[in-house]
Amino acid sequence: MSRVFLCDDESHYRSLVRAVLSAQDEPYEIVGEASDGREAIELAPALAPDIVLLDVNMPGMGGLEALPRLRKLLPDARIFALTTAWAETLEQAFREAGGDGFIEKPRNAMTLPAKLGAALGEAPAEPLDVAELMFHSWWSEEPARMWELFAPEVEFRPVLSEETLHGLEAMRRYVESLPDDQQRTARVTRMIAYGDVVVVEGTADLPAGDQRERLSVSWTVRVHEGKVTHIRGFRGWDEAHRESGLPGGSPPTEEREFSRGHGWLLSAGRRLLGGPAPGSALA
């Protein structure tokens, strides 16, 4: 049983994490808690945790400030950021300060054990978590993080193209060749996982004659061992479900809704919608 020390300024969230991690078939033992970095430095060493879950932004001493001290005091512990404040520069700073990884707080707390297991290298990330992180990284303009989620042999077909690209480098070249004026906005509204296939439903501004209209779009995303191996775009939602390769009537293994409150606006024109560059071989 892994011993966990939890540092977060929100007491109700600490209680939630304690309940979720303690309820696993192979439960984690929460050996202590702290409400800021200074308290973690005072309490954690005597408790000898195997894992420290450390919020980054807290009143008083934040996690990034406390991390170097905790690393010296707990040289054998695995220290992970557990926070909503992900950014590529922040994760880099956290790792440079001695952290072992960065875990974003999931909207569904029941998925936290899987995220922690993936961070520990015990299991690959769940397909729905991979798909959500991929779209979120694109939306957040964090391409380095996004490209790491694709397998080298990924197959990609954008919404506005009939041609399938083979391989990560071909996909990157295509995305990077598209001019900024082809950017469009899309909104993800729902993700439905069927085993290793995730159907992503959303809307986007697409050409409709001489004008543009807000239309339904979707993607099928196939994930294998934590990497995206296939992503294909569709106009409409039904086609994605039909062509996902799933048997008729298959029940979803997990489903997530995304509302306006979550800010799921994707700058997706040159990423997912992928209108071809004028004069290119894909035009």
C-alpha atoms as a PDB file:
ATOM      1  CA  MET A   1       0.000   0.000   0.000  1.00  0.00           C
ATOM      2  CA  SER A   2       1.506   3.318  -1.084  1.00  0.00           C
ATOM      3  CA  ARG A   3       1.627   6.011   1.568  1.00  0.00           C
ATOM      4  CA  VAL A   4       0.359   9.392   0.323  1.00  0.00           C
ATOM      5  CA  PHE A   5       0.754  12.889   1.749  1.00  0.00           C
ATOM      6  CA  LEU A   6      -1.700  15.432   0.348  1.00  0.00           C
ATOM      7  CA  CYS A   7      -1.117  19.200   0.294  1.00  0.00           C
ATOM      8  CA  ASP A   8      -4.018  21.374  -0.892  1.00  0.00           C
ATOM      9  CA  ASP A   9      -5.561  24.534   0.539  1.00  0.00           C
ATOM     10  CA  GLU A  10      -9.129  23.314  -0.084  1.00  0.00           C
ATOM     11  CA  SER A  11     -10.181  21.046   2.784  1.00  0.00           C
ATOM     12  CA  HIS A  12     -13.193  19.622   0.932  1.00  0.00           C
ATOM     13  CA  TYR A  13     -10.967  18.600  -1.977  1.00  0.00           C
ATOM     14  CA  ARG A  14      -8.547  16.879   0.400  1.00  0.00           C
ATOM     15  CA  SER A  15     -11.491  14.943   1.841  1.00  0.00           C
ATOM     16  CA  LEU A  16     -12.622  13.967  -1.643  1.00  0.00           C
ATOM     17  CA  VAL A  17      -9.157  12.748  -2.641  1.00  0.00           C
ATOM     18  CA  ARG A  18      -8.842  10.802   0.598  1.00  0.00           C
ATOM     19  CA  ALA A  19     -12.152   9.061  -0.011  1.00  0.00           C
ATOM     20  CA  VAL A  20     -11.432   8.228  -3.655  1.00  0.00           C
ATOM     21  CA  LEU A  21      -7.887   6.926  -3.171  1.00  0.00           C
ATOM     22  CA  SER A  22      -8.810   4.926  -0.072  1.00  0.00           C
ATOM     23  CA  ALA A  23     -11.662   3.151  -1.874  1.00  0.00           C
ATOM     24  CA  GLN A  24      -9.520   1.425  -4.534  1.00  0.00           C
ATOM     25  CA  ASP A  25      -9.089  -2.338  -4.777  1.00  0.00           C
ATOM     26  CA  GLU A  26      -5.446  -1.675  -3.991  1.00  0.00           C
ATOM     27  CA  PRO A  27      -5.987   1.417  -1.843  1.00  0.00           C
ATOM     28  CA  TYR A  28      -3.587   4.201  -1.125  1.00  0.00           C
ATOM     29  CA  GLU A  29      -3.053   5.155   2.511  1.00  0.00           C
ATOM     30  CA  ILE A  30      -3.361   8.909   3.155  1.00  0.00           C
ATOM     31  CA  VAL A  31      -0.850   9.357   5.966  1.00  0.00           C
ATOM     32  CA  GLY A  32      -1.125  13.133   6.316  1.00  0.00           C
ATOM     33  CA  GLU A  33      -2.437  16.411   4.957  1.00  0.00           C
ATOM     34  CA  ALA A  34      -1.370  20.044   4.778  1.00  0.00           C
ATOM     35  CA  SER A  35      -3.073  23.259   3.700  1.00  0.00           C
ATOM     36  CA  ASP A  36       0.035  24.977   2.268  1.00  0.00           C
ATOM     37  CA  GLY A  37       3.657  24.333   1.416  1.00  0.00           C
ATOM     38  CA  ARG A  38       5.043  25.465   4.761  1.00  0.00           C
ATOM     39  CA  GLU A  39       2.822  23.029   6.649  1.00  0.00           C
ATOM     40  CA  ALA A  40       3.827  20.240   4.270  1.00  0.00           C
ATOM     41  CA  ILE A  41       7.504  20.910   4.998  1.00  0.00           C
ATOM     42  CA  GLU A  42       6.779  20.705   8.733  1.00  0.00           C
ATOM     43  CA  LEU A  43       4.640  17.554   8.692  1.00  0.00           C
ATOM     44  CA  ALA A  44       5.533  15.345   5.732  1.00  0.00           C
ATOM     45  CA  PRO A  45       9.127  14.243   6.607  1.00  0.00           C
ATOM     46  CA  ALA A  46       8.129  12.553   9.862  1.00  0.00           C
ATOM     47  CA  LEU A  47       5.368  10.628   8.055  1.00  0.00           C
ATOM     48  CA  ALA A  48       7.718   9.218   5.384  1.00  0.00           C
ATOM     49  CA  PRO A  49       5.238   9.142   2.483  1.00  0.00           C
ATOM     50  CA  ASP A  50       5.938   7.294  -0.744  1.00  0.00           C
ATOM     51  CA  ILE A  51       3.951   9.870  -2.728  1.00  0.00           C
ATOM     52  CA  VAL A  52       3.332  13.586  -2.215  1.00  0.00           C
ATOM     53  CA  LEU A  53       0.461  15.252  -4.068  1.00  0.00           C
ATOM     54  CA  LEU A  54       1.189  18.960  -4.057  1.00  0.00           C
ATOM     55  CA  ASP A  55      -1.074  21.789  -5.165  1.00  0.00           C
ATOM     56  CA  VAL A  56       0.855  24.546  -6.940  1.00  0.00           C
ATOM     57  CA  ASN A  57      -1.217  27.653  -6.168  1.00  0.00           C
ATOM     58  CA  MET A  58      -2.007  28.024  -2.466  1.00  0.00           C
ATOM     59  CA  PRO A  59      -2.220  30.976  -0.076  1.00  0.00           C
ATOM     60  CA  GLY A  60       0.948  31.369   1.939  1.00  0.00           C
ATOM     61  CA  MET A  61       3.635  29.101   0.510  1.00  0.00           C
ATOM     62  CA  GLY A  62       2.723  27.525  -2.818  1.00  0.00           C
ATOM     63  CA  GLY A  63       3.803  24.131  -4.030  1.00  0.00           C
ATOM     64  CA  LEU A  64       6.501  25.334  -6.389  1.00  0.00           C
ATOM     65  CA  GLU A  65       8.159  27.291  -3.585  1.00  0.00           C
ATOM     66  CA  ALA A  66       7.970  24.352  -1.176  1.00  0.00           C
ATOM     67  CA  LEU A  67       9.143  21.732  -3.661  1.00  0.00           C
ATOM     68  CA  PRO A  68      12.948  22.144  -3.349  1.00  0.00           C
ATOM     69  CA  ARG A  69      12.745  21.794   0.450  1.00  0.00           C
ATOM     70  CA  LEU A  70      10.457  18.780   0.201  1.00  0.00           C
ATOM     71  CA  ARG A  71      12.779  17.130  -2.310  1.00  0.00           C
ATOM     72  CA  LYS A  72      15.729  17.442   0.086  1.00  0.00           C
ATOM     73  CA  LEU A  73      13.679  16.216   3.045  1.00  0.00           C
ATOM     74  CA  LEU A  74      12.050  13.349   1.115  1.00  0.00           C
ATOM     75  CA  PRO A  75      14.658  12.176  -1.405  1.00  0.00           C
ATOM     76  CA  ASP A  76      12.935   8.850  -2.076  1.00  0.00           C
ATOM     77  CA  ALA A  77       9.350  10.111  -2.394  1.00  0.00           C
ATOM     78  CA  ARG A  78       7.570  10.630  -5.702  1.00  0.00           C
ATOM     79  CA  ILE A  79       6.330  14.232  -5.708  1.00  0.00           C
ATOM     80  CA  PHE A  80       3.556  15.169  -8.142  1.00  0.00           C
ATOM     81  CA  ALA A  81       1.794  18.439  -8.755  1.00  0.00           C
ATOM     82  CA  LEU A  82      -1.972  17.994  -8.429  1.00  0.00           C
ATOM     83  CA  THR A  83      -3.454  21.229  -9.701  1.00  0.00           C
ATOM     84  CA  THR A  84      -5.790  22.955 -12.145  1.00  0.00           C
ATOM     85  CA  ALA A  85      -3.086  25.431 -13.176  1.00  0.00           C
ATOM     86  CA  TRP A  86      -1.300  23.412 -15.885  1.00  0.00           C
ATOM     87  CA  ALA A  87       0.946  25.228 -18.324  1.00  0.00           C
ATOM     88  CA  GLU A  88       3.950  23.933 -20.213  1.00  0.00           C
ATOM     89  CA  THR A  89       6.295  26.434 -18.555  1.00  0.00           C
ATOM     90  CA  LEU A  90       4.889  25.610 -15.115  1.00  0.00           C
ATOM     91  CA  GLU A  91       5.341  21.878 -15.571  1.00  0.00           C
ATOM     92  CA  GLN A  92       8.909  22.445 -16.758  1.00  0.00           C
ATOM     93  CA  ALA A  93       9.644  24.602 -13.709  1.00  0.00           C
ATOM     94  CA  PHE A  94       8.100  21.978 -11.427  1.00  0.00           C
ATOM     95  CA  ARG A  95      10.264  19.209 -12.865  1.00  0.00           C
ATOM     96  CA  GLU A  96      13.398  21.368 -12.750  1.00  0.00           C
ATOM     97  CA  ALA A  97      12.709  22.033  -9.063  1.00  0.00           C
ATOM     98  CA  GLY A  98      12.672  18.300  -8.327  1.00  0.00           C
ATOM     99  CA  GLY A  99       9.109  17.230  -9.082  1.00  0.00           C
ATOM    100  CA  ASP A 100       8.333  13.880 -10.668  1.00  0.00           C
ATOM    101  CA  GLY A 101       5.292  14.830 -12.711  1.00  0.00           C
ATOM    102  CA  PHE A 102       2.236  16.988 -13.205  1.00  0.00           C
ATOM    103  CA  ILE A 103      -1.361  15.771 -12.745  1.00  0.00           C
ATOM    104  CA  GLU A 104      -4.293  17.989 -13.620  1.00  0.00           C
ATOM    105  CA  LYS A 105      -7.210  17.763 -11.193  1.00  0.00           C
ATOM    106  CA  PRO A 106      -9.869  15.783 -13.068  1.00  0.00           C
ATOM    107  CA  ARG A 107     -13.421  17.049 -13.327  1.00  0.00           C
ATOM    108  CA  ASN A 108     -14.530  13.559 -12.291  1.00  0.00           C
ATOM    109  CA  ALA A 109     -12.602  12.747  -9.108  1.00  0.00           C
ATOM    110  CA  MET A 110     -13.197   9.029  -9.635  1.00  0.00           C
ATOM    111  CA  THR A 111     -10.688   9.132 -12.505  1.00  0.00           C
ATOM    112  CA  LEU A 112      -7.894  10.369 -10.213  1.00  0.00           C
ATOM    113  CA  PRO A 113      -6.579   6.864  -9.359  1.00  0.00           C
ATOM    114  CA  ALA A 114      -6.097   6.111 -13.055  1.00  0.00           C
ATOM    115  CA  LYS A 115      -4.295   9.427 -13.557  1.00  0.00           C
ATOM    116  CA  LEU A 116      -2.059   8.750 -10.582  1.00  0.00           C
ATOM    117  CA  GLY A 117      -1.372   5.215 -11.788  1.00  0.00           C
ATOM    118  CA  ALA A 118      -0.388   6.560 -15.203  1.00  0.00           C
ATOM    119  CA  ALA A 119       1.904   9.159 -13.595  1.00  0.00           C
ATOM    120  CA  LEU A 120       3.549   6.426 -11.541  1.00  0.00           C
ATOM    121  CA  GLY A 121       4.101   4.378 -14.687  1.00  0.00           C
ATOM    122  CA  GLU A 122       1.881   1.572 -13.423  1.00  0.00           C
ATOM    123  CA  ALA A 123      -0.654   1.815 -16.261  1.00  0.00           C
ATOM    124  CA  PRO A 124      -1.222   3.844 -19.435  1.00  0.00           C
ATOM    125  CA  ALA A 125      -3.676   6.735 -19.228  1.00  0.00           C
ATOM    126  CA  GLU A 126      -7.328   5.993 -19.950  1.00  0.00           C
ATOM    127  CA  PRO A 127      -8.399   6.756 -23.565  1.00  0.00           C
ATOM    128  CA  LEU A 128     -10.900   9.412 -22.493  1.00  0.00           C
ATOM    129  CA  ASP A 129      -8.234  11.164 -20.400  1.00  0.00           C
ATOM    130  CA  VAL A 130      -5.836  11.113 -23.366  1.00  0.00           C
ATOM    131  CA  ALA A 131      -8.468  12.531 -25.734  1.00  0.00           C
ATOM    132  CA  GLU A 132      -9.436  15.263 -23.283  1.00  0.00           C
ATOM    133  CA  LEU A 133      -5.808  16.229 -22.684  1.00  0.00           C
ATOM    134  CA  MET A 134      -5.141  16.297 -26.433  1.00  0.00           C
ATOM    135  CA  PHE A 135      -8.006  18.700 -27.132  1.00  0.00           C
ATOM    136  CA  HIS A 136      -7.241  20.782 -24.066  1.00  0.00           C
ATOM    137  CA  SER A 137      -3.583  21.110 -25.109  1.00  0.00           C
ATOM    138  CA  TRP A 138      -4.613  22.295 -28.571  1.00  0.00           C
ATOM    139  CA  TRP A 139      -7.025  24.789 -27.088  1.00  0.00           C
ATOM    140  CA  SER A 140      -4.392  26.000 -24.605  1.00  0.00           C
ATOM    141  CA  GLU A 141      -1.830  26.550 -27.387  1.00  0.00           C
ATOM    142  CA  GLU A 142       0.584  24.019 -25.855  1.00  0.00           C
ATOM    143  CA  PRO A 143       1.819  22.147 -28.959  1.00  0.00           C
ATOM    144  CA  ALA A 144       4.762  20.438 -27.278  1.00  0.00           C
ATOM    145  CA  ARG A 145       2.489  18.728 -24.816  1.00  0.00           C
ATOM    146  CA  MET A 146      -0.049  17.912 -27.504  1.00  0.00           C
ATOM    147  CA  TRP A 147       2.388  16.260 -29.934  1.00  0.00           C
ATOM    148  CA  GLU A 148       3.670  13.959 -27.177  1.00  0.00           C
ATOM    149  CA  LEU A 149       0.243  12.300 -27.052  1.00  0.00           C
ATOM    150  CA  PHE A 150       0.435  10.945 -30.619  1.00  0.00           C
ATOM    151  CA  ALA A 151       1.989   7.664 -31.681  1.00  0.00           C
ATOM    152  CA  PRO A 152       4.643   7.977 -34.419  1.00  0.00           C
ATOM    153  CA  GLU A 153       2.414   5.992 -36.805  1.00  0.00           C
ATOM    154  CA  VAL A 154      -0.741   8.076 -36.163  1.00  0.00           C
ATOM    155  CA  GLU A 155      -3.311   8.360 -38.955  1.00  0.00           C
ATOM    156  CA  PHE A 156      -5.062  11.726 -39.280  1.00  0.00           C
ATOM    157  CA  ARG A 157      -7.922  12.944 -41.453  1.00  0.00           C
ATOM    158  CA  PRO A 158      -9.129  16.523 -40.805  1.00  0.00           C
ATOM    159  CA  VAL A 159     -12.788  17.521 -40.941  1.00  0.00           C
ATOM    160  CA  LEU A 160     -12.388  19.417 -44.231  1.00  0.00           C
ATOM    161  CA  SER A 161     -10.229  16.916 -46.076  1.00  0.00           C
ATOM    162  CA  GLU A 162     -10.862  13.525 -47.675  1.00  0.00           C
ATOM    163  CA  GLU A 163      -7.197  12.541 -47.535  1.00  0.00           C
ATOM    164  CA  THR A 164      -5.750  10.572 -44.642  1.00  0.00           C
ATOM    165  CA  LEU A 165      -2.240  11.474 -43.541  1.00  0.00           C
ATOM    166  CA  HIS A 166       0.044   8.734 -42.270  1.00  0.00           C
ATOM    167  CA  GLY A 167       2.614   9.324 -39.555  1.00  0.00           C
ATOM    168  CA  LEU A 168       3.235  12.032 -36.989  1.00  0.00           C
ATOM    169  CA  GLU A 169       5.643  14.012 -39.140  1.00  0.00           C
ATOM    170  CA  ALA A 170       3.152  14.176 -42.027  1.00  0.00           C
ATOM    171  CA  MET A 171       0.470  15.357 -39.621  1.00  0.00           C
ATOM    172  CA  ARG A 172       2.755  18.030 -38.170  1.00  0.00           C
ATOM    173  CA  ARG A 173       3.805  19.275 -41.608  1.00  0.00           C
ATOM    174  CA  TYR A 174       0.188  19.540 -42.674  1.00  0.00           C
ATOM    175  CA  VAL A 175      -0.899  21.411 -39.540  1.00  0.00           C
ATOM    176  CA  GLU A 176       2.077  23.793 -39.688  1.00  0.00           C
ATOM    177  CA  SER A 177       1.507  24.531 -43.397  1.00  0.00           C
ATOM    178  CA  LEU A 178      -1.913  26.077 -42.858  1.00  0.00           C
ATOM    179  CA  PRO A 179      -2.118  29.882 -42.711  1.00  0.00           C
ATOM    180  CA  ASP A 180      -3.500  31.680 -39.697  1.00  0.00           C
ATOM    181  CA  ASP A 181      -6.460  33.045 -41.654  1.00  0.00           C
ATOM    182  CA  GLN A 182      -7.830  29.511 -41.897  1.00  0.00           C
ATOM    183  CA  GLN A 183      -8.292  29.278 -38.165  1.00  0.00           C
ATOM    184  CA  ARG A 184     -11.853  28.604 -37.039  1.00  0.00           C
ATOM    185  CA  THR A 185     -13.356  28.048 -33.639  1.00  0.00           C
ATOM    186  CA  ALA A 186     -14.844  24.791 -32.479  1.00  0.00           C
ATOM    187  CA  ARG A 187     -16.441  23.758 -29.227  1.00  0.00           C
ATOM    188  CA  VAL A 188     -16.297  20.269 -27.775  1.00  0.00           C
ATOM    189  CA  THR A 189     -19.589  19.407 -26.099  1.00  0.00           C
ATOM    190  CA  ARG A 190     -19.282  15.721 -25.290  1.00  0.00           C
ATOM    191  CA  MET A 191     -16.842  12.812 -25.331  1.00  0.00           C
ATOM    192  CA  ILE A 192     -18.020   9.207 -25.319  1.00  0.00           C
ATOM    193  CA  ALA A 193     -15.549   6.365 -24.797  1.00  0.00           C
ATOM    194  CA  TYR A 194     -16.142   2.861 -26.113  1.00  0.00           C
ATOM    195  CA  GLY A 195     -13.102   0.976 -24.906  1.00  0.00           C
ATOM    196  CA  ASP A 196     -10.096   2.381 -26.766  1.00  0.00           C
ATOM    197  CA  VAL A 197     -12.232   4.509 -29.129  1.00  0.00           C
ATOM    198  CA  VAL A 198     -13.447   7.973 -28.116  1.00  0.00           C
ATOM    199  CA  VAL A 199     -16.142   9.760 -30.125  1.00  0.00           C
ATOM    200  CA  VAL A 200     -15.842  13.531 -29.699  1.00  0.00           C
ATOM    201  CA  GLU A 201     -18.878  15.690 -30.482  1.00  0.00           C
ATOM    202  CA  GLY A 202     -18.731  19.447 -31.015  1.00  0.00           C
ATOM    203  CA  THR A 203     -19.663  22.393 -33.216  1.00  0.00           C
ATOM    204  CA  ALA A 204     -17.653  24.655 -35.496  1.00  0.00           C
ATOM    205  CA  ASP A 205     -17.985  27.551 -37.934  1.00  0.00           C
ATOM    206  CA  LEU A 206     -17.774  25.887 -41.369  1.00  0.00           C
ATOM    207  CA  PRO A 207     -18.245  27.081 -44.967  1.00  0.00           C
ATOM    208  CA  ALA A 208     -21.887  26.929 -46.107  1.00  0.00           C
ATOM    209  CA  GLY A 209     -22.101  28.352 -49.638  1.00  0.00           C
ATOM    210  CA  ASP A 210     -20.899  31.950 -49.571  1.00  0.00           C
ATOM    211  CA  GLN A 211     -21.317  32.193 -45.816  1.00  0.00           C
ATOM    212  CA  ARG A 212     -20.324  30.380 -42.671  1.00  0.00           C
ATOM    213  CA  GLU A 213     -22.643  28.559 -40.331  1.00  0.00           C
ATOM    214  CA  ARG A 214     -22.327  26.955 -36.920  1.00  0.00           C
ATOM    215  CA  LEU A 215     -22.497  23.254 -37.744  1.00  0.00           C
ATOM    216  CA  SER A 216     -21.992  19.979 -35.934  1.00  0.00           C
ATOM    217  CA  VAL A 217     -18.587  18.316 -36.226  1.00  0.00           C
ATOM    218  CA  SER A 218     -17.076  15.254 -34.590  1.00  0.00           C
ATOM    219  CA  TRP A 219     -13.952  13.144 -34.390  1.00  0.00           C
ATOM    220  CA  THR A 220     -13.123   9.542 -33.678  1.00  0.00           C
ATOM    221  CA  VAL A 221      -9.985   9.160 -31.588  1.00  0.00           C
ATOM    222  CA  ARG A 222      -8.410   5.743 -31.081  1.00  0.00           C
ATOM    223  CA  VAL A 223      -5.945   5.364 -28.204  1.00  0.00           C
ATOM    224  CA  HIS A 224      -3.526   2.504 -27.626  1.00  0.00           C
ATOM    225  CA  GLU A 225      -1.307   2.307 -24.535  1.00  0.00           C
ATOM    226  CA  GLY A 226      -1.778   5.992 -23.791  1.00  0.00           C
ATOM    227  CA  LYS A 227      -1.053   7.273 -27.324  1.00  0.00           C
ATOM    228  CA  VAL A 228      -3.396   8.499 -30.060  1.00  0.00           C
ATOM    229  CA  THR A 229      -3.044   6.201 -33.073  1.00  0.00           C
ATOM    230  CA  HIS A 230      -5.968   7.485 -35.144  1.00  0.00           C
ATOM    231  CA  ILE A 231      -7.951  10.719 -35.363  1.00  0.00           C
ATOM    232  CA  ARG A 232     -10.567  11.324 -38.022  1.00  0.00           C
ATOM    233  CA  GLY A 233     -12.878  14.303 -38.454  1.00  0.00           C
ATOM    234  CA  PHE A 234     -16.490  14.336 -39.662  1.00  0.00           C
ATOM    235  CA  ARG A 235     -19.205  16.843 -40.485  1.00  0.00           C
ATOM    236  CA  GLY A 236     -22.014  15.878 -38.129  1.00  0.00           C
ATOM    237  CA  TRP A 237     -22.094  13.494 -35.194  1.00  0.00           C
ATOM    238  CA  ASP A 238     -23.891  10.423 -36.529  1.00  0.00           C
ATOM    239  CA  GLU A 239     -21.213   9.623 -39.081  1.00  0.00           C
ATOM    240  CA  ALA A 240     -18.522   9.467 -36.406  1.00  0.00           C
ATOM    241  CA  HIS A 241     -20.595   6.974 -34.433  1.00  0.00           C
ATOM    242  CA  ARG A 242     -21.319   4.904 -37.546  1.00  0.00           C
ATOM    243  CA  GLU A 243     -17.720   4.823 -38.735  1.00  0.00           C
ATOM    244  CA  SER A 244     -16.070   4.329 -35.368  1.00  0.00           C
ATOM    245  CA  GLY A 245     -15.893   0.590 -35.990  1.00  0.00           C
ATOM    246  CA  LEU A 246     -18.082  -0.175 -32.990  1.00  0.00           C
ATOM    247  CA  PRO A 247     -20.707  -2.899 -32.980  1.00  0.00           C
ATOM    248  CA  GLY A 248     -24.267  -1.586 -33.048  1.00  0.00           C
ATOM    249  CA  GLY A 249     -25.680  -0.758 -29.645  1.00  0.00           C
ATOM    250  CA  SER A 250     -22.365  -0.899 -27.802  1.00  0.00           C
ATOM    251  CA  PRO A 251     -22.736   0.761 -24.395  1.00  0.00           C
ATOM    252  CA  PRO A 252     -20.189   3.489 -23.629  1.00  0.00           C
ATOM    253  CA  THR A 253     -17.540   2.760 -21.026  1.00  0.00           C
ATOM    254  CA  GLU A 254     -17.446   6.432 -19.971  1.00  0.00           C
ATOM    255  CA  GLU A 255     -18.972   9.731 -21.038  1.00  0.00           C
ATOM    256  CA  ARG A 256     -18.167  13.371 -20.260  1.00  0.00           C
ATOM    257  CA  GLU A 257     -20.138  16.515 -20.962  1.00  0.00           C
ATOM    258  CA  PHE A 258     -18.460  19.893 -21.501  1.00  0.00           C
ATOM    259  CA  SER A 259     -20.399  23.088 -20.874  1.00  0.00           C
ATOM    260  CA  ARG A 260     -19.700  26.734 -21.641  1.00  0.00           C
ATOM    261  CA  GLY A 261     -18.528  27.114 -18.074  1.00  0.00           C
ATOM    262  CA  HIS A 262     -15.505  24.950 -18.803  1.00  0.00           C
ATOM    263  CA  GLY A 263     -14.325  27.286 -21.559  1.00  0.00           C
ATOM    264  CA  TRP A 264     -13.875  24.534 -24.110  1.00  0.00           C
ATOM    265  CA  LEU A 265     -13.234  26.836 -27.044  1.00  0.00           C
ATOM    266  CA  LEU A 266     -10.771  25.248 -29.389  1.00  0.00           C
ATOM    267  CA  SER A 267      -8.687  27.231 -31.823  1.00  0.00           C
ATOM    268  CA  ALA A 268      -9.109  24.372 -34.205  1.00  0.00           C
ATOM    269  CA  GLY A 269      -8.917  25.731 -37.735  1.00  0.00           C
ATOM    270  CA  ARG A 270      -5.333  24.769 -38.476  1.00  0.00           C
ATOM    271  CA  ARG A 271      -5.386  21.905 -35.999  1.00  0.00           C
ATOM    272  CA  LEU A 272      -8.528  19.794 -36.220  1.00  0.00           C
ATOM    273  CA  LEU A 273     -10.687  21.289 -38.960  1.00  0.00           C
ATOM    274  CA  GLY A 274      -7.616  21.561 -41.140  1.00  0.00           C
ATOM    275  CA  GLY A 275      -8.756  23.401 -44.234  1.00  0.00           C
ATOM    276  CA  PRO A 276      -6.008  22.836 -46.863  1.00  0.00           C
ATOM    277  CA  ALA A 277      -3.545  25.592 -47.653  1.00  0.00           C
ATOM    278  CA  PRO A 278      -4.201  27.271 -51.021  1.00  0.00           C
ATOM    279  CA  GLY A 279      -2.109  25.736 -53.788  1.00  0.00           C
ATOM    280  CA  SER A 280      -1.010  22.793 -51.646  1.00  0.00           C
ATOM    281  CA  ALA A 281      -1.258  19.166 -52.711  1.00  0.00           C
ATOM    282  CA  LEU A 282      -4.294  18.859 -50.455  1.00  0.00           C
ATOM    283  CA  ALA A 283      -6.230  21.756 -51.992  1.00  0.00           C
END
